Amino acid sequence: MLDLRPNCEYCDKDLPPNATDARICSYECTFCAHCVETVLLNVCPNCGGGFAPRPIRPATERRPGVGLASRPASTQRVHLKWDRTKLADFVRTVCDIPPEQR
């Protein structure tokens, strides 16, 4: 089950469980669409992979035990652990390689 992290790791924008602009990599690193498109150029700074839209967990429990009420989103904020000044160099070395070939 996804954590549904509450914020963009780069700019710290709030990304509630129903955010349509939340993006995740295969390790669930979470960023907003703006940072993914304009700063990270679809390169996860943590693993080098690409991003996909984060699925939205149903707010209404339509099956027993399945929904935000019974499986709440994480409240633990996560922040970028890499030096931002070196991030651009890393992104440039990876961004021209399609995510499926990284």
C-alpha atoms as a PDB file:
ATOM      1  CA  MET A   1       0.000   0.000   0.000  1.00  0.00           C
ATOM      2  CA  LEU A   2       1.328   3.446  -0.893  1.00  0.00           C
ATOM      3  CA  ASP A   3       2.267   5.844   1.910  1.00  0.00           C
ATOM      4  CA  LEU A   4       0.672   8.819   0.127  1.00  0.00           C
ATOM      5  CA  ARG A   5       3.303  11.187   1.473  1.00  0.00           C
ATOM      6  CA  PRO A   6       1.937  14.627   2.324  1.00  0.00           C
ATOM      7  CA  ASN A   7       4.389  16.934   0.559  1.00  0.00           C
ATOM      8  CA  CYS A   8       6.720  17.580  -2.363  1.00  0.00           C
ATOM      9  CA  GLU A   9      10.230  16.599  -1.293  1.00  0.00           C
ATOM     10  CA  TYR A  10      11.688  19.507  -3.283  1.00  0.00           C
ATOM     11  CA  CYS A  11       9.488  22.564  -2.643  1.00  0.00           C
ATOM     12  CA  ASP A  12       7.502  21.227   0.364  1.00  0.00           C
ATOM     13  CA  LYS A  13       4.139  21.940  -1.320  1.00  0.00           C
ATOM     14  CA  ASP A  14       1.264  20.172   0.410  1.00  0.00           C
ATOM     15  CA  LEU A  15       0.075  17.134  -1.562  1.00  0.00           C
ATOM     16  CA  PRO A  16      -3.077  15.814   0.106  1.00  0.00           C
ATOM     17  CA  PRO A  17      -4.286  12.280  -0.721  1.00  0.00           C
ATOM     18  CA  ASN A  18      -6.525  13.607  -3.516  1.00  0.00           C
ATOM     19  CA  ALA A  19      -3.838  15.797  -5.155  1.00  0.00           C
ATOM     20  CA  THR A  20      -3.892  15.315  -8.915  1.00  0.00           C
ATOM     21  CA  ASP A  21      -0.467  16.937  -9.281  1.00  0.00           C
ATOM     22  CA  ALA A  22       1.416  14.461  -7.053  1.00  0.00           C
ATOM     23  CA  ARG A  23       4.089  12.413  -8.817  1.00  0.00           C
ATOM     24  CA  ILE A  24       5.926   9.354  -7.481  1.00  0.00           C
ATOM     25  CA  CYS A  25       8.827   7.170  -8.572  1.00  0.00           C
ATOM     26  CA  SER A  26       8.910   3.402  -8.048  1.00  0.00           C
ATOM     27  CA  TYR A  27      10.288   3.976  -4.521  1.00  0.00           C
ATOM     28  CA  GLU A  28       7.416   6.365  -3.682  1.00  0.00           C
ATOM     29  CA  CYS A  29       9.622   9.448  -3.663  1.00  0.00           C
ATOM     30  CA  THR A  30       6.987  12.168  -3.935  1.00  0.00           C
ATOM     31  CA  PHE A  31       7.168  15.476  -5.765  1.00  0.00           C
ATOM     32  CA  CYS A  32       4.684  17.931  -7.271  1.00  0.00           C
ATOM     33  CA  ALA A  33       4.166  18.002 -11.029  1.00  0.00           C
ATOM     34  CA  HIS A  34       5.710  21.485 -11.274  1.00  0.00           C
ATOM     35  CA  CYS A  35       9.014  20.382  -9.726  1.00  0.00           C
ATOM     36  CA  VAL A  36       9.073  17.147 -11.753  1.00  0.00           C
ATOM     37  CA  GLU A  37       8.556  19.032 -15.023  1.00  0.00           C
ATOM     38  CA  THR A  38      10.611  22.195 -14.485  1.00  0.00           C
ATOM     39  CA  VAL A  39      13.398  21.330 -12.026  1.00  0.00           C
ATOM     40  CA  LEU A  40      13.845  17.561 -12.028  1.00  0.00           C
ATOM     41  CA  LEU A  41      13.052  16.995 -15.730  1.00  0.00           C
ATOM     42  CA  ASN A  42      11.408  13.642 -14.888  1.00  0.00           C
ATOM     43  CA  VAL A  43      14.506  12.395 -13.026  1.00  0.00           C
ATOM     44  CA  CYS A  44      14.056  11.251  -9.436  1.00  0.00           C
ATOM     45  CA  PRO A  45      16.959  12.831  -7.525  1.00  0.00           C
ATOM     46  CA  ASN A  46      17.006   9.886  -5.136  1.00  0.00           C
ATOM     47  CA  CYS A  47      17.067   6.892  -7.507  1.00  0.00           C
ATOM     48  CA  GLY A  48      17.421   8.302 -11.031  1.00  0.00           C
ATOM     49  CA  GLY A  49      14.123   6.794 -12.177  1.00  0.00           C
ATOM     50  CA  GLY A  50      11.169   8.529 -13.771  1.00  0.00           C
ATOM     51  CA  PHE A  51       7.836   9.598 -12.331  1.00  0.00           C
ATOM     52  CA  ALA A  52       4.186   8.665 -12.734  1.00  0.00           C
ATOM     53  CA  PRO A  53       1.033  10.305 -11.405  1.00  0.00           C
ATOM     54  CA  ARG A  54       0.330   9.131  -7.863  1.00  0.00           C
ATOM     55  CA  PRO A  55      -2.928   7.156  -7.639  1.00  0.00           C
ATOM     56  CA  ILE A  56      -5.709   8.639  -5.552  1.00  0.00           C
ATOM     57  CA  ARG A  57      -6.971   6.517  -2.675  1.00  0.00           C
ATOM     58  CA  PRO A  58     -10.778   6.531  -2.471  1.00  0.00           C
ATOM     59  CA  ALA A  59     -12.135   8.823   0.232  1.00  0.00           C
ATOM     60  CA  THR A  60     -15.321   6.768   0.414  1.00  0.00           C
ATOM     61  CA  GLU A  61     -15.008   3.233   1.703  1.00  0.00           C
ATOM     62  CA  ARG A  62     -16.812   1.202  -0.955  1.00  0.00           C
ATOM     63  CA  ARG A  63     -15.341  -2.096   0.241  1.00  0.00           C
ATOM     64  CA  PRO A  64     -14.874  -2.952   3.931  1.00  0.00           C
ATOM     65  CA  GLY A  65     -11.514  -1.706   5.213  1.00  0.00           C
ATOM     66  CA  VAL A  66     -10.487  -0.061   1.944  1.00  0.00           C
ATOM     67  CA  GLY A  67     -10.422   3.737   1.864  1.00  0.00           C
ATOM     68  CA  LEU A  68      -8.797   6.745   3.492  1.00  0.00           C
ATOM     69  CA  ALA A  69     -10.658   6.289   6.770  1.00  0.00           C
ATOM     70  CA  SER A  70      -9.263   2.799   7.333  1.00  0.00           C
ATOM     71  CA  ARG A  71      -5.982   3.255   5.445  1.00  0.00           C
ATOM     72  CA  PRO A  72      -4.994   6.904   6.078  1.00  0.00           C
ATOM     73  CA  ALA A  73      -2.282   8.742   4.219  1.00  0.00           C
ATOM     74  CA  SER A  74       1.064   9.354   5.880  1.00  0.00           C
ATOM     75  CA  THR A  75       1.511  12.545   7.867  1.00  0.00           C
ATOM     76  CA  GLN A  76       5.312  12.328   7.956  1.00  0.00           C
ATOM     77  CA  ARG A  77       6.821  15.000   5.747  1.00  0.00           C
ATOM     78  CA  VAL A  78       9.839  13.958   3.676  1.00  0.00           C
ATOM     79  CA  HIS A  79      12.459  16.386   2.362  1.00  0.00           C
ATOM     80  CA  LEU A  80      15.121  16.116  -0.292  1.00  0.00           C
ATOM     81  CA  LYS A  81      18.308  14.679   1.167  1.00  0.00           C
ATOM     82  CA  TRP A  82      20.625  15.767  -1.660  1.00  0.00           C
ATOM     83  CA  ASP A  83      22.430  19.075  -2.036  1.00  0.00           C
ATOM     84  CA  ARG A  84      20.361  21.248  -4.379  1.00  0.00           C
ATOM     85  CA  THR A  85      23.471  22.852  -5.874  1.00  0.00           C
ATOM     86  CA  LYS A  86      24.608  19.427  -7.140  1.00  0.00           C
ATOM     87  CA  LEU A  87      21.147  18.303  -8.168  1.00  0.00           C
ATOM     88  CA  ALA A  88      21.189  20.036 -11.557  1.00  0.00           C
ATOM     89  CA  ASP A  89      24.363  18.173 -12.543  1.00  0.00           C
ATOM     90  CA  PHE A  90      22.804  14.826 -11.631  1.00  0.00           C
ATOM     91  CA  VAL A  91      19.585  15.607 -13.500  1.00  0.00           C
ATOM     92  CA  ARG A  92      21.527  16.657 -16.621  1.00  0.00           C
ATOM     93  CA  THR A  93      23.440  13.359 -16.686  1.00  0.00           C
ATOM     94  CA  VAL A  94      20.214  11.331 -16.633  1.00  0.00           C
ATOM     95  CA  CYS A  95      17.392  13.368 -18.213  1.00  0.00           C
ATOM     96  CA  ASP A  96      18.138  12.460 -21.841  1.00  0.00           C
ATOM     97  CA  ILE A  97      17.867   8.735 -21.096  1.00  0.00           C
ATOM     98  CA  PRO A  98      14.231   7.541 -21.259  1.00  0.00           C
ATOM     99  CA  PRO A  99      13.038   6.285 -17.843  1.00  0.00           C
ATOM    100  CA  GLU A 100      12.494   2.763 -19.199  1.00  0.00           C
ATOM    101  CA  GLN A 101      16.194   2.598 -20.171  1.00  0.00           C
ATOM    102  CA  ARG A 102      17.722   4.043 -16.996  1.00  0.00           C
END
